Amino acid sequence: MNEQTRIDRPNVRQTDAKTATLYRMVMEKHVCPYGVKSKWLLERNGYAVEDHYLTTREETDAFKRKHDVATTPQTFIDGKRIGGYDALREFFGERLPQQGETSYRPVIAVFGVALGLAVALSVWSFGSPFTIRAAEWFVAFSMAMLAMLKLQDVETFSSMFIGYDLLARRSVPYAYAYPFLEAAAAILMAGHLLPWLSIPIALFIGTIGAASVFYAVYIQKREIKCACVGGSGSVPLGFVSLTENLAMMAMGLWMLLRLAI
């Protein structure tokens, strides 16, 4: 065993230890994250890891040629090559996301964090999580975070948005302006600032959005991805998207009612 090979054993009895051999890139300026995760995954499943460092590009390329593989890390168990990190996860029975698969995880994360922030602020400000202000903050924070995700890549968002939004199809600039409008309305509503501006924005984009989603999903029966979490998300267009727009409309109507009282 060369000096760049280590054997790290998990907390199991010596007689019960299973051994895996891992080859991964560990260089002065680069440590492969998938190699680190592969080692962790092996140890979590009770394997002692014979950890081989590939410390130069030449050494890495030579390893790839020898084993006819395109990437590292590579794991071997009982002399059989398992493969890279994803193959190792599959070997241990973990479910891997399929290409093009949709997921509600991004919106669950947004709504969960928004709810947590709203409740925390309500408790701090009023001594109770169950306040009207908490509900207002929840909607405003959700809108703000969804807008932030869209603003990370406005170009990709606008392309997805035009695919189903009725107004954006007729006016492309609206697709580019939408995340800025949503962010502005959210920020202003969170502080009850400039209601003469925030209310019309929320009612306008919420109404157009709700009509667009309803038409695309429930009338045309289309199965497309929603642009609600930006261009990188894989959230299906449907109930969640409709709820987002209805919440904006409700928030606008609620604040309008508060002004009237």
Protein backbone atom coordinates (compact mmCIF):
# COMPACT_ATOMS: atom_id res chain seq x y z
CA MET A 1 0.00 0.00 0.00
CA ASN A 2 1.49 3.35 -1.01
CA GLU A 3 1.77 6.34 1.27
CA GLN A 4 -1.29 7.95 -0.30
CA THR A 5 -3.55 5.08 0.73
CA ARG A 6 -5.44 5.13 4.00
CA ILE A 7 -7.73 2.62 5.63
CA ASP A 8 -10.44 4.29 7.66
CA ARG A 9 -12.62 1.92 9.62
CA PRO A 10 -16.05 2.80 10.99
CA ASN A 11 -17.13 1.88 14.48
CA VAL A 12 -17.82 -1.82 13.83
CA ARG A 13 -16.25 -4.96 15.23
CA GLN A 14 -13.17 -6.16 13.36
CA THR A 15 -14.84 -9.48 12.51
CA ASP A 16 -17.88 -7.70 11.08
CA ALA A 17 -15.98 -5.11 9.01
CA LYS A 18 -16.66 -4.93 5.28
CA THR A 19 -14.01 -3.32 3.12
CA ALA A 20 -14.41 -1.08 0.10
CA THR A 21 -11.71 0.46 -2.07
CA LEU A 22 -12.19 4.07 -3.09
CA TYR A 23 -10.19 6.08 -5.61
CA ARG A 24 -10.79 9.81 -5.46
CA MET A 25 -9.16 13.11 -6.37
CA VAL A 26 -7.41 14.81 -3.45
CA MET A 27 -5.18 17.57 -4.77
CA GLU A 28 -3.65 20.66 -3.24
CA LYS A 29 -6.23 22.95 -4.82
CA HIS A 30 -9.07 20.54 -5.41
CA VAL A 31 -10.75 17.85 -3.33
CA CYS A 32 -13.53 16.10 -5.22
CA PRO A 33 -16.78 16.61 -3.26
CA TYR A 34 -18.27 13.41 -4.65
CA GLY A 35 -15.26 11.51 -3.38
CA VAL A 36 -15.82 12.87 0.11
CA LYS A 37 -19.50 11.97 -0.09
CA SER A 38 -18.69 8.49 -1.39
CA LYS A 39 -16.40 7.85 1.55
CA TRP A 40 -19.06 9.08 3.97
CA LEU A 41 -21.72 6.91 2.34
CA LEU A 42 -19.53 3.81 2.55
CA GLU A 43 -18.72 4.39 6.21
CA ARG A 44 -22.36 5.08 6.99
CA ASN A 45 -23.17 1.65 5.59
CA GLY A 46 -20.55 -0.10 7.73
CA TYR A 47 -17.62 -0.32 5.33
CA ALA A 48 -13.98 0.17 6.17
CA VAL A 49 -12.64 2.34 3.37
CA GLU A 50 -9.32 1.71 1.66
CA ASP A 51 -8.95 5.28 0.55
CA HIS A 52 -6.66 5.92 -2.45
CA TYR A 53 -5.81 9.53 -3.24
CA LEU A 54 -5.32 10.64 -6.85
CA THR A 55 -3.11 13.63 -6.25
CA THR A 56 -2.25 14.81 -9.77
CA ARG A 57 -4.06 15.20 -13.07
CA GLU A 58 -1.65 12.74 -14.66
CA GLU A 59 -2.35 10.14 -11.97
CA THR A 60 -6.10 10.67 -12.38
CA ASP A 61 -5.96 10.32 -16.17
CA ALA A 62 -3.86 7.18 -15.88
CA PHE A 63 -6.39 5.67 -13.48
CA LYS A 64 -9.24 6.45 -15.87
CA ARG A 65 -7.42 4.81 -18.78
CA LYS A 66 -6.55 1.74 -16.74
CA HIS A 67 -10.13 1.14 -15.61
CA ASP A 68 -11.81 2.54 -18.75
CA VAL A 69 -13.90 5.07 -16.82
CA ALA A 70 -14.75 8.67 -17.60
CA THR A 71 -14.96 10.09 -14.09
CA THR A 72 -13.80 9.75 -10.52
CA PRO A 73 -14.43 8.82 -7.75
CA GLN A 74 -14.69 5.08 -8.33
CA THR A 75 -15.59 2.51 -5.69
CA PHE A 76 -14.73 -1.20 -5.70
CA ILE A 77 -16.35 -3.74 -3.40
CA ASP A 78 -15.24 -7.39 -3.34
CA GLY A 79 -13.15 -6.73 -6.44
CA LYS A 80 -16.14 -5.48 -8.42
CA ARG A 81 -16.33 -1.89 -9.65
CA ILE A 82 -19.47 -0.21 -8.35
CA GLY A 83 -18.88 3.13 -10.04
CA GLY A 84 -19.20 6.77 -9.04
CA TYR A 85 -21.23 8.45 -6.32
CA ASP A 86 -24.63 8.02 -8.00
CA ALA A 87 -23.90 4.36 -8.74
CA LEU A 88 -22.89 3.90 -5.10
CA ARG A 89 -26.15 5.44 -3.92
CA GLU A 90 -28.05 3.09 -6.19
CA PHE A 91 -25.98 0.15 -4.88
CA PHE A 92 -27.17 0.97 -1.36
CA GLY A 93 -30.80 1.19 -2.47
CA GLU A 94 -31.19 4.95 -2.50
CA ARG A 95 -33.65 6.36 -4.98
CA LEU A 96 -32.10 8.60 -7.64
CA PRO A 97 -34.07 11.39 -9.31
CA GLN A 98 -34.85 10.67 -12.93
CA GLN A 99 -34.07 13.12 -15.72
CA GLY A 100 -37.00 15.48 -16.23
CA GLU A 101 -38.66 14.37 -13.01
CA THR A 102 -40.82 16.99 -11.32
CA SER A 103 -40.75 17.75 -7.61
CA TYR A 104 -42.57 20.00 -5.16
CA ARG A 105 -39.51 20.20 -2.89
CA PRO A 106 -38.50 23.76 -3.97
CA VAL A 107 -41.90 25.27 -3.15
CA ILE A 108 -42.17 23.27 0.07
CA ALA A 109 -38.82 24.74 1.10
CA VAL A 110 -39.94 28.27 0.24
CA PHE A 111 -43.27 28.04 2.04
CA GLY A 112 -41.73 26.27 5.02
CA VAL A 113 -39.05 28.91 5.55
CA ALA A 114 -41.54 31.75 4.96
CA LEU A 115 -43.90 30.27 7.53
CA GLY A 116 -41.09 29.85 10.04
CA LEU A 117 -39.99 33.46 9.62
CA ALA A 118 -43.54 34.77 9.86
CA VAL A 119 -44.29 32.79 13.02
CA ALA A 120 -40.98 33.76 14.65
CA LEU A 121 -41.56 37.45 13.98
CA SER A 122 -45.13 37.21 15.22
CA VAL A 123 -44.05 35.60 18.48
CA TRP A 124 -41.32 38.20 18.95
CA SER A 125 -43.59 41.15 18.11
CA PHE A 126 -46.93 40.08 19.61
CA GLY A 127 -46.18 37.12 21.86
CA SER A 128 -48.26 34.73 19.77
CA PRO A 129 -47.78 32.82 16.49
CA PHE A 130 -51.49 33.12 15.66
CA THR A 131 -51.86 36.69 14.46
CA ILE A 132 -53.13 38.38 11.32
CA ARG A 133 -49.70 39.92 10.90
CA ALA A 134 -48.16 36.43 10.80
CA ALA A 135 -50.47 35.51 7.92
CA GLU A 136 -49.56 38.73 6.09
CA TRP A 137 -45.85 38.12 6.60
CA PHE A 138 -46.19 34.52 5.43
CA VAL A 139 -47.66 35.60 2.09
CA ALA A 140 -45.23 38.50 1.68
CA PHE A 141 -42.15 36.44 2.55
CA SER A 142 -43.28 33.63 0.23
CA MET A 143 -43.70 36.10 -2.62
CA ALA A 144 -40.30 37.65 -1.89
CA MET A 145 -38.46 34.32 -1.88
CA LEU A 146 -40.19 33.12 -5.04
CA ALA A 147 -39.26 36.41 -6.71
CA MET A 148 -35.65 36.03 -5.57
CA LEU A 149 -35.46 32.58 -7.19
CA LYS A 150 -36.80 34.02 -10.44
CA LEU A 151 -34.35 36.92 -10.34
CA GLN A 152 -31.36 34.55 -10.23
CA ASP A 153 -31.87 33.85 -13.94
CA VAL A 154 -34.45 36.16 -15.47
CA GLU A 155 -33.68 34.99 -19.00
CA THR A 156 -34.48 31.34 -18.30
CA PHE A 157 -37.48 32.27 -16.16
CA SER A 158 -38.95 34.47 -18.89
CA SER A 159 -38.66 31.68 -21.47
CA MET A 160 -40.53 29.24 -19.20
CA PHE A 161 -43.07 31.89 -18.21
CA ILE A 162 -43.96 32.79 -21.80
CA GLY A 163 -44.79 29.12 -22.32
CA TYR A 164 -48.04 29.48 -20.38
CA ASP A 165 -48.67 33.07 -19.24
CA LEU A 166 -51.34 34.73 -21.36
CA LEU A 167 -50.02 38.28 -21.08
CA ALA A 168 -46.34 37.38 -21.47
CA ARG A 169 -47.11 35.73 -24.81
CA ARG A 170 -48.49 39.04 -26.09
CA SER A 171 -45.92 41.25 -24.38
CA VAL A 172 -42.45 39.77 -23.86
CA PRO A 173 -41.27 42.69 -21.66
CA TYR A 174 -43.89 41.63 -19.10
CA ALA A 175 -42.10 38.29 -18.71
CA TYR A 176 -38.89 40.14 -17.83
CA ALA A 177 -40.67 42.59 -15.53
CA TYR A 178 -42.71 40.00 -13.61
CA PRO A 179 -40.10 38.95 -10.98
CA PHE A 180 -39.27 42.60 -10.27
CA LEU A 181 -42.95 43.41 -9.85
CA GLU A 182 -43.47 40.43 -7.56
CA ALA A 183 -40.44 41.36 -5.43
CA ALA A 184 -41.54 44.99 -5.16
CA ALA A 185 -45.07 44.05 -4.11
CA ALA A 186 -43.76 41.56 -1.53
CA ILE A 187 -41.32 44.00 0.06
CA LEU A 188 -43.85 46.82 0.22
CA MET A 189 -46.59 44.57 1.61
CA ALA A 190 -44.32 43.15 4.30
CA GLY A 191 -43.96 46.66 5.74
CA HIS A 192 -47.40 48.01 4.75
CA LEU A 193 -45.57 50.57 2.61
CA LEU A 194 -47.00 52.44 -0.39
CA PRO A 195 -50.24 50.46 -0.55
CA TRP A 196 -51.37 52.54 -3.52
CA LEU A 197 -48.57 50.81 -5.46
CA SER A 198 -48.28 47.37 -3.92
CA ILE A 199 -52.00 46.54 -4.03
CA PRO A 200 -52.48 47.16 -7.78
CA ILE A 201 -49.31 45.21 -8.58
CA ALA A 202 -50.37 42.20 -6.52
CA LEU A 203 -53.91 42.20 -7.89
CA PHE A 204 -52.75 42.61 -11.49
CA ILE A 205 -50.03 39.95 -11.64
CA GLY A 206 -51.99 37.60 -9.37
CA THR A 207 -55.13 37.78 -11.51
CA ILE A 208 -53.29 37.32 -14.82
CA GLY A 209 -51.23 34.51 -13.32
CA ALA A 210 -54.22 32.65 -11.89
CA ALA A 211 -56.11 32.89 -15.18
CA SER A 212 -53.06 31.69 -17.13
CA VAL A 213 -52.41 28.69 -14.90
CA PHE A 214 -56.09 27.70 -14.82
CA TYR A 215 -56.32 27.89 -18.61
CA ALA A 216 -53.09 25.94 -19.24
CA VAL A 217 -53.67 23.19 -16.66
CA TYR A 218 -57.41 22.76 -16.29
CA ILE A 219 -58.67 23.70 -19.77
CA GLN A 220 -55.80 22.82 -22.12
CA LYS A 221 -54.71 19.92 -19.86
CA ARG A 222 -51.03 20.69 -20.43
CA GLU A 223 -48.26 19.08 -18.41
CA ILE A 224 -45.44 21.61 -18.20
CA LYS A 225 -43.04 22.91 -15.60
CA CYS A 226 -43.88 25.98 -13.59
CA ALA A 227 -41.62 29.02 -13.65
CA CYS A 228 -42.66 29.89 -10.08
CA VAL A 229 -39.27 28.94 -8.57
CA GLY A 230 -37.20 30.26 -11.46
CA GLY A 231 -35.67 28.51 -14.42
CA SER A 232 -33.80 25.86 -12.44
CA GLY A 233 -36.85 24.29 -10.80
CA SER A 234 -38.82 21.24 -11.85
CA VAL A 235 -42.11 22.07 -10.15
CA PRO A 236 -45.17 20.95 -12.17
CA LEU A 237 -47.55 23.68 -13.22
CA GLY A 238 -50.79 23.20 -11.34
CA PHE A 239 -52.34 23.62 -7.91
CA VAL A 240 -49.25 25.16 -6.27
CA SER A 241 -48.88 27.74 -9.04
CA LEU A 242 -52.56 28.59 -8.88
CA THR A 243 -52.35 28.91 -5.09
CA GLU A 244 -49.39 31.31 -5.36
CA ASN A 245 -51.38 33.64 -7.62
CA LEU A 246 -54.57 33.36 -5.59
CA ALA A 247 -52.58 34.22 -2.45
CA MET A 248 -51.27 37.38 -4.13
CA MET A 249 -54.81 38.33 -5.10
CA ALA A 250 -56.07 37.65 -1.57
CA MET A 251 -53.25 39.70 -0.08
CA GLY A 252 -54.06 42.61 -2.37
CA LEU A 253 -57.77 42.45 -1.53
CA TRP A 254 -57.04 42.16 2.18
CA MET A 255 -54.81 45.23 2.19
CA LEU A 256 -57.39 47.10 0.12
CA LEU A 257 -60.00 46.19 2.74
CA ARG A 258 -57.72 47.44 5.53
CA LEU A 259 -57.44 50.79 3.77
CA ALA A 260 -61.18 51.02 3.44
CA ILE A 261 -61.84 50.34 7.13
